[in-house]
Amino acid sequence: MPTLKELRALQALTVADLAAAAGVGQSTILAIESGRELPMQRTARKLAKALDVPLLDIAEVARASAERWSQRRGGKKNAPAD
């Protein structure tokens, strides 16, 4: 499964492009890509629509990123992103 950053890059979108297309902040995109935050369902739906991928793909990508981030941080939990 590609990362959110890879999904974005496959469509030649910058963080700013994806943020504008999804109607979310650039900081939200960066936080989700890094795994620092998990997207709320509404945000995940917006990202899925903007990237033209199934919602489940966004959920899986975010979960995998969050797990990697959590492991790097010693198991600390992630906060949901708007």
N, C-alpha and C. Protein backbone atom coordinates (compact mmCIF):
# COMPACT_ATOMS: atom_id res chain seq x y z
N MET A 1 0.85 -1.18 0.00
CA MET A 1 0.00 0.00 0.00
C MET A 1 0.89 1.24 0.00
N PRO A 2 0.69 2.13 -0.96
CA PRO A 2 1.50 3.36 -0.99
C PRO A 2 1.13 4.28 0.17
N THR A 3 2.04 5.16 0.51
CA THR A 3 1.77 6.15 1.54
C THR A 3 0.92 7.27 0.96
N LEU A 4 0.38 8.13 1.83
CA LEU A 4 -0.38 9.27 1.34
C LEU A 4 0.50 10.16 0.48
N LYS A 5 1.73 10.33 0.88
CA LYS A 5 2.67 11.13 0.10
C LYS A 5 2.87 10.53 -1.29
N GLU A 6 2.98 9.20 -1.35
CA GLU A 6 3.13 8.53 -2.64
C GLU A 6 1.86 8.65 -3.49
N LEU A 7 0.70 8.52 -2.87
CA LEU A 7 -0.55 8.70 -3.61
C LEU A 7 -0.62 10.11 -4.19
N ARG A 8 -0.21 11.08 -3.38
CA ARG A 8 -0.20 12.47 -3.82
C ARG A 8 0.79 12.66 -4.96
N ALA A 9 1.97 12.09 -4.83
CA ALA A 9 3.02 12.23 -5.85
C ALA A 9 2.63 11.55 -7.17
N LEU A 10 1.92 10.43 -7.08
CA LEU A 10 1.47 9.73 -8.29
C LEU A 10 0.60 10.62 -9.16
N GLN A 11 -0.07 11.56 -8.53
CA GLN A 11 -0.94 12.48 -9.26
C GLN A 11 -0.26 13.84 -9.47
N ALA A 12 1.03 13.90 -9.19
CA ALA A 12 1.82 15.13 -9.36
C ALA A 12 1.21 16.31 -8.60
N LEU A 13 0.73 16.04 -7.39
CA LEU A 13 0.15 17.09 -6.55
C LEU A 13 1.13 17.50 -5.47
N THR A 14 1.22 18.78 -5.24
CA THR A 14 1.99 19.28 -4.10
C THR A 14 1.10 19.20 -2.86
N VAL A 15 1.67 19.43 -1.71
CA VAL A 15 0.89 19.48 -0.48
C VAL A 15 -0.18 20.57 -0.62
N ALA A 16 0.22 21.71 -1.16
CA ALA A 16 -0.73 22.82 -1.35
C ALA A 16 -1.85 22.44 -2.31
N ASP A 17 -1.52 21.72 -3.39
CA ASP A 17 -2.53 21.28 -4.35
C ASP A 17 -3.56 20.37 -3.68
N LEU A 18 -3.07 19.37 -2.95
CA LEU A 18 -3.98 18.43 -2.30
C LEU A 18 -4.80 19.12 -1.23
N ALA A 19 -4.18 19.98 -0.46
CA ALA A 19 -4.91 20.70 0.58
C ALA A 19 -6.04 21.52 -0.03
N ALA A 20 -5.76 22.21 -1.13
CA ALA A 20 -6.79 23.02 -1.78
C ALA A 20 -7.89 22.13 -2.37
N ALA A 21 -7.51 21.03 -3.01
CA ALA A 21 -8.50 20.14 -3.62
C ALA A 21 -9.40 19.49 -2.57
N ALA A 22 -8.82 19.19 -1.41
CA ALA A 22 -9.59 18.52 -0.35
C ALA A 22 -10.26 19.50 0.60
N GLY A 23 -9.86 20.77 0.54
CA GLY A 23 -10.44 21.75 1.44
C GLY A 23 -9.96 21.61 2.87
N VAL A 24 -8.70 21.22 3.03
CA VAL A 24 -8.09 21.11 4.37
C VAL A 24 -6.79 21.90 4.38
N GLY A 25 -6.23 22.10 5.55
CA GLY A 25 -4.99 22.85 5.66
C GLY A 25 -3.78 22.03 5.26
N GLN A 26 -2.76 22.73 4.80
CA GLN A 26 -1.50 22.05 4.44
C GLN A 26 -0.90 21.36 5.65
N SER A 27 -1.05 21.97 6.82
CA SER A 27 -0.49 21.35 8.03
C SER A 27 -1.20 20.03 8.34
N THR A 28 -2.48 19.94 8.00
CA THR A 28 -3.22 18.69 8.19
C THR A 28 -2.66 17.60 7.28
N ILE A 29 -2.41 17.94 6.02
CA ILE A 29 -1.84 16.97 5.07
C ILE A 29 -0.50 16.48 5.59
N LEU A 30 0.37 17.41 6.00
CA LEU A 30 1.70 17.05 6.48
C LEU A 30 1.63 16.19 7.74
N ALA A 31 0.71 16.52 8.64
CA ALA A 31 0.58 15.74 9.87
C ALA A 31 0.11 14.33 9.59
N ILE A 32 -0.81 14.18 8.64
CA ILE A 32 -1.31 12.85 8.28
C ILE A 32 -0.22 12.06 7.54
N GLU A 33 0.47 12.73 6.61
CA GLU A 33 1.55 12.04 5.88
C GLU A 33 2.64 11.54 6.81
N SER A 34 2.95 12.31 7.83
CA SER A 34 4.01 11.92 8.75
C SER A 34 3.53 10.89 9.76
N GLY A 35 2.21 10.77 9.92
CA GLY A 35 1.67 9.84 10.91
C GLY A 35 1.45 10.46 12.27
N ARG A 36 1.74 11.76 12.39
CA ARG A 36 1.54 12.43 13.68
C ARG A 36 0.07 12.51 14.05
N GLU A 37 -0.80 12.57 13.05
CA GLU A 37 -2.23 12.67 13.28
C GLU A 37 -2.98 11.70 12.37
N LEU A 38 -4.11 11.26 12.85
CA LEU A 38 -5.01 10.42 12.05
C LEU A 38 -6.13 11.31 11.52
N PRO A 39 -6.55 11.10 10.28
CA PRO A 39 -7.62 11.95 9.77
C PRO A 39 -8.97 11.58 10.37
N MET A 40 -9.75 12.58 10.68
CA MET A 40 -11.14 12.35 11.07
C MET A 40 -11.85 11.80 9.84
N GLN A 41 -13.00 11.18 10.02
CA GLN A 41 -13.71 10.56 8.91
C GLN A 41 -14.02 11.58 7.80
N ARG A 42 -14.42 12.77 8.19
CA ARG A 42 -14.74 13.81 7.20
C ARG A 42 -13.51 14.17 6.37
N THR A 43 -12.38 14.33 7.04
CA THR A 43 -11.13 14.66 6.34
C THR A 43 -10.71 13.51 5.43
N ALA A 44 -10.83 12.29 5.92
CA ALA A 44 -10.48 11.12 5.10
C ALA A 44 -11.33 11.07 3.85
N ARG A 45 -12.63 11.37 3.99
CA ARG A 45 -13.52 11.37 2.82
C ARG A 45 -13.08 12.44 1.81
N LYS A 46 -12.72 13.60 2.31
CA LYS A 46 -12.27 14.69 1.43
C LYS A 46 -10.99 14.30 0.69
N LEU A 47 -10.07 13.65 1.40
CA LEU A 47 -8.81 13.23 0.78
C LEU A 47 -9.07 12.15 -0.26
N ALA A 48 -9.92 11.21 0.07
CA ALA A 48 -10.25 10.13 -0.88
C ALA A 48 -10.86 10.71 -2.15
N LYS A 49 -11.75 11.65 -2.00
CA LYS A 49 -12.39 12.27 -3.17
C LYS A 49 -11.36 13.05 -3.99
N ALA A 50 -10.52 13.84 -3.32
CA ALA A 50 -9.52 14.65 -4.01
C ALA A 50 -8.51 13.78 -4.76
N LEU A 51 -8.17 12.61 -4.19
CA LEU A 51 -7.20 11.72 -4.81
C LEU A 51 -7.86 10.66 -5.70
N ASP A 52 -9.18 10.63 -5.68
CA ASP A 52 -9.95 9.66 -6.46
C ASP A 52 -9.54 8.22 -6.12
N VAL A 53 -9.52 7.95 -4.82
CA VAL A 53 -9.22 6.61 -4.31
C VAL A 53 -10.31 6.22 -3.32
N PRO A 54 -10.49 4.92 -3.07
CA PRO A 54 -11.48 4.50 -2.08
C PRO A 54 -11.14 5.02 -0.68
N LEU A 55 -12.17 5.32 0.09
CA LEU A 55 -11.99 5.80 1.46
C LEU A 55 -11.15 4.81 2.26
N LEU A 56 -11.34 3.54 2.06
CA LEU A 56 -10.59 2.52 2.78
C LEU A 56 -9.09 2.68 2.55
N ASP A 57 -8.69 3.06 1.35
CA ASP A 57 -7.27 3.28 1.06
C ASP A 57 -6.69 4.37 1.95
N ILE A 58 -7.43 5.46 2.12
CA ILE A 58 -6.96 6.56 2.97
C ILE A 58 -6.84 6.10 4.41
N ALA A 59 -7.83 5.34 4.88
CA ALA A 59 -7.80 4.84 6.25
C ALA A 59 -6.59 3.93 6.47
N GLU A 60 -6.33 3.03 5.53
CA GLU A 60 -5.20 2.10 5.66
C GLU A 60 -3.87 2.84 5.62
N VAL A 61 -3.76 3.80 4.71
CA VAL A 61 -2.53 4.59 4.59
C VAL A 61 -2.28 5.37 5.87
N ALA A 62 -3.31 6.01 6.39
CA ALA A 62 -3.16 6.80 7.62
C ALA A 62 -2.80 5.91 8.80
N ARG A 63 -3.45 4.75 8.89
CA ARG A 63 -3.17 3.84 10.00
C ARG A 63 -1.72 3.35 9.95
N ALA A 64 -1.24 2.99 8.77
CA ALA A 64 0.14 2.53 8.63
C ALA A 64 1.14 3.63 8.99
N SER A 65 0.86 4.85 8.53
CA SER A 65 1.74 5.98 8.86
C SER A 65 1.76 6.24 10.35
N ALA A 66 0.58 6.16 10.97
CA ALA A 66 0.47 6.39 12.41
C ALA A 66 1.23 5.33 13.20
N GLU A 67 1.15 4.09 12.75
CA GLU A 67 1.87 3.01 13.43
C GLU A 67 3.38 3.22 13.34
N ARG A 68 3.85 3.62 12.17
CA ARG A 68 5.29 3.89 12.02
C ARG A 68 5.72 5.06 12.92
N TRP A 69 4.92 6.11 12.96
CA TRP A 69 5.23 7.27 13.78
C TRP A 69 5.23 6.89 15.25
N SER A 70 4.23 6.11 15.66
CA SER A 70 4.12 5.68 17.05
C SER A 70 5.33 4.85 17.46
N GLN A 71 5.79 3.98 16.58
CA GLN A 71 6.97 3.16 16.88
C GLN A 71 8.21 4.03 17.05
N ARG A 72 8.32 5.05 16.21
CA ARG A 72 9.47 5.96 16.33
C ARG A 72 9.41 6.77 17.61
N ARG A 73 8.20 7.03 18.10
CA ARG A 73 8.01 7.84 19.30
C ARG A 73 7.89 7.00 20.56
N GLY A 74 8.12 5.72 20.45
CA GLY A 74 8.08 4.86 21.64
C GLY A 74 6.68 4.46 22.07
N GLY A 75 5.74 4.36 21.12
CA GLY A 75 4.40 3.88 21.42
C GLY A 75 3.39 4.92 21.82
N LYS A 76 3.72 6.21 21.75
CA LYS A 76 2.77 7.26 22.11
C LYS A 76 1.65 7.31 21.08
N LYS A 77 0.45 7.63 21.54
CA LYS A 77 -0.74 7.67 20.69
C LYS A 77 -0.76 8.93 19.83
N ASN A 78 -1.50 8.83 18.73
CA ASN A 78 -1.65 9.95 17.80
C ASN A 78 -2.99 10.63 18.03
N ALA A 79 -3.03 11.92 17.73
CA ALA A 79 -4.27 12.68 17.86
C ALA A 79 -4.97 12.75 16.51
N PRO A 80 -6.31 12.74 16.51
CA PRO A 80 -7.03 12.88 15.24
C PRO A 80 -6.83 14.27 14.64
N ALA A 81 -6.76 14.36 13.33
CA ALA A 81 -6.67 15.64 12.63
C ALA A 81 -8.05 16.03 12.16
N ASP A 82 -8.27 17.33 12.05
CA ASP A 82 -9.58 17.80 11.56
C ASP A 82 -9.79 17.26 10.22
